[in-house]
Amino acid sequence: MPKKMDLEMDDSHPVEPDTHVFTGTITAWRSDYGELFTDSGVTVPLLTRGLPAVPVGTRLTLVARKFKPLFQIERVVKRG
């Protein structure tokens, strides 16, 4: 009988099942890595592979999943 799949964050499943919402300002955005400086003063490392470029200084809200040690972006909502 196959073993039940465990979706907890471990070596075989590095993506958390739950999402996180962050709001802040983009401080870096390259083809595969970016950083968001949140309104609460935390720098969030982002996996940006496959997403359109976002200019540094853009304020936005995004939904992401922990993809150790980065956050994989699920959705981006641009803000003012």
Protein backbone atom coordinates (compact mmCIF):
# COMPACT_ATOMS: atom_id res chain seq x y z
CA MET A 1 0.00 0.00 0.00
CA PRO A 2 1.44 3.45 -0.93
CA LYS A 3 2.56 5.69 1.90
CA LYS A 4 0.26 8.66 2.61
CA MET A 5 1.76 11.88 1.26
CA ASP A 6 2.69 14.34 4.01
CA LEU A 7 2.57 17.96 2.82
CA GLU A 8 4.47 19.39 5.79
CA MET A 9 7.58 21.35 4.91
CA ASP A 10 10.40 18.79 4.73
CA ASP A 11 13.11 17.76 2.25
CA SER A 12 10.76 15.82 -0.03
CA HIS A 13 8.03 18.52 -0.06
CA PRO A 14 9.67 21.91 0.24
CA VAL A 15 6.50 23.97 -0.40
CA GLU A 16 4.14 24.78 2.47
CA PRO A 17 0.46 24.13 1.74
CA ASP A 18 -0.69 27.47 3.26
CA THR A 19 -0.29 30.90 1.67
CA HIS A 20 0.95 34.16 3.20
CA VAL A 21 -0.02 37.71 2.18
CA PHE A 22 2.68 40.41 2.18
CA THR A 23 2.39 44.14 1.45
CA GLY A 24 5.40 46.37 0.90
CA THR A 25 7.92 47.75 -1.57
CA ILE A 26 10.04 45.78 -4.06
CA THR A 27 13.75 46.32 -3.31
CA ALA A 28 15.12 43.80 -5.86
CA TRP A 29 13.63 41.90 -8.82
CA ARG A 30 15.66 39.76 -11.20
CA SER A 31 14.69 36.86 -13.46
CA ASP A 32 14.66 34.30 -10.64
CA TYR A 33 14.97 36.21 -7.33
CA GLY A 34 13.46 39.27 -5.72
CA GLU A 35 12.95 40.93 -2.36
CA LEU A 36 9.96 42.68 -0.85
CA PHE A 37 10.48 45.01 2.12
CA THR A 38 7.21 44.73 4.04
CA ASP A 39 5.35 47.50 5.80
CA SER A 40 6.24 45.77 9.08
CA GLY A 41 9.98 46.06 8.31
CA VAL A 42 10.76 42.48 7.21
CA THR A 43 12.60 41.61 3.99
CA VAL A 44 10.89 38.67 2.27
CA PRO A 45 13.04 36.69 -0.24
CA LEU A 46 11.01 35.80 -3.34
CA LEU A 47 11.20 33.22 -6.10
CA THR A 48 10.32 35.29 -9.21
CA ARG A 49 11.09 32.76 -11.98
CA GLY A 50 8.54 32.97 -14.80
CA LEU A 51 6.93 36.22 -13.63
CA PRO A 52 6.99 39.55 -15.48
CA ALA A 53 9.49 42.10 -14.18
CA VAL A 54 8.37 44.48 -11.44
CA PRO A 55 10.33 47.74 -11.11
CA VAL A 56 12.25 48.37 -7.89
CA GLY A 57 10.25 50.79 -5.74
CA THR A 58 6.86 49.36 -6.75
CA ARG A 59 4.44 48.98 -3.86
CA LEU A 60 2.41 45.81 -4.03
CA THR A 61 0.57 43.11 -2.19
CA LEU A 62 1.35 39.50 -3.04
CA VAL A 63 0.23 36.04 -2.05
CA ALA A 64 3.05 33.52 -1.64
CA ARG A 65 3.87 30.05 -0.32
CA LYS A 66 6.99 29.24 1.67
CA PHE A 67 9.39 27.41 -0.68
CA LYS A 68 12.37 27.04 1.60
CA PRO A 69 14.22 29.22 2.01
CA LEU A 70 12.29 31.57 -0.34
CA PHE A 71 8.64 32.39 -0.93
CA GLN A 72 7.08 31.24 -4.21
CA ILE A 73 4.69 33.93 -5.50
CA GLU A 74 1.15 32.75 -6.18
CA ARG A 75 -0.43 36.10 -7.15
CA VAL A 76 0.68 39.73 -7.38
CA VAL A 77 -1.68 42.65 -6.80
CA LYS A 78 -0.07 45.98 -7.69
CA ARG A 79 -0.76 48.90 -5.45
CA GLY A 80 -0.16 52.65 -5.60
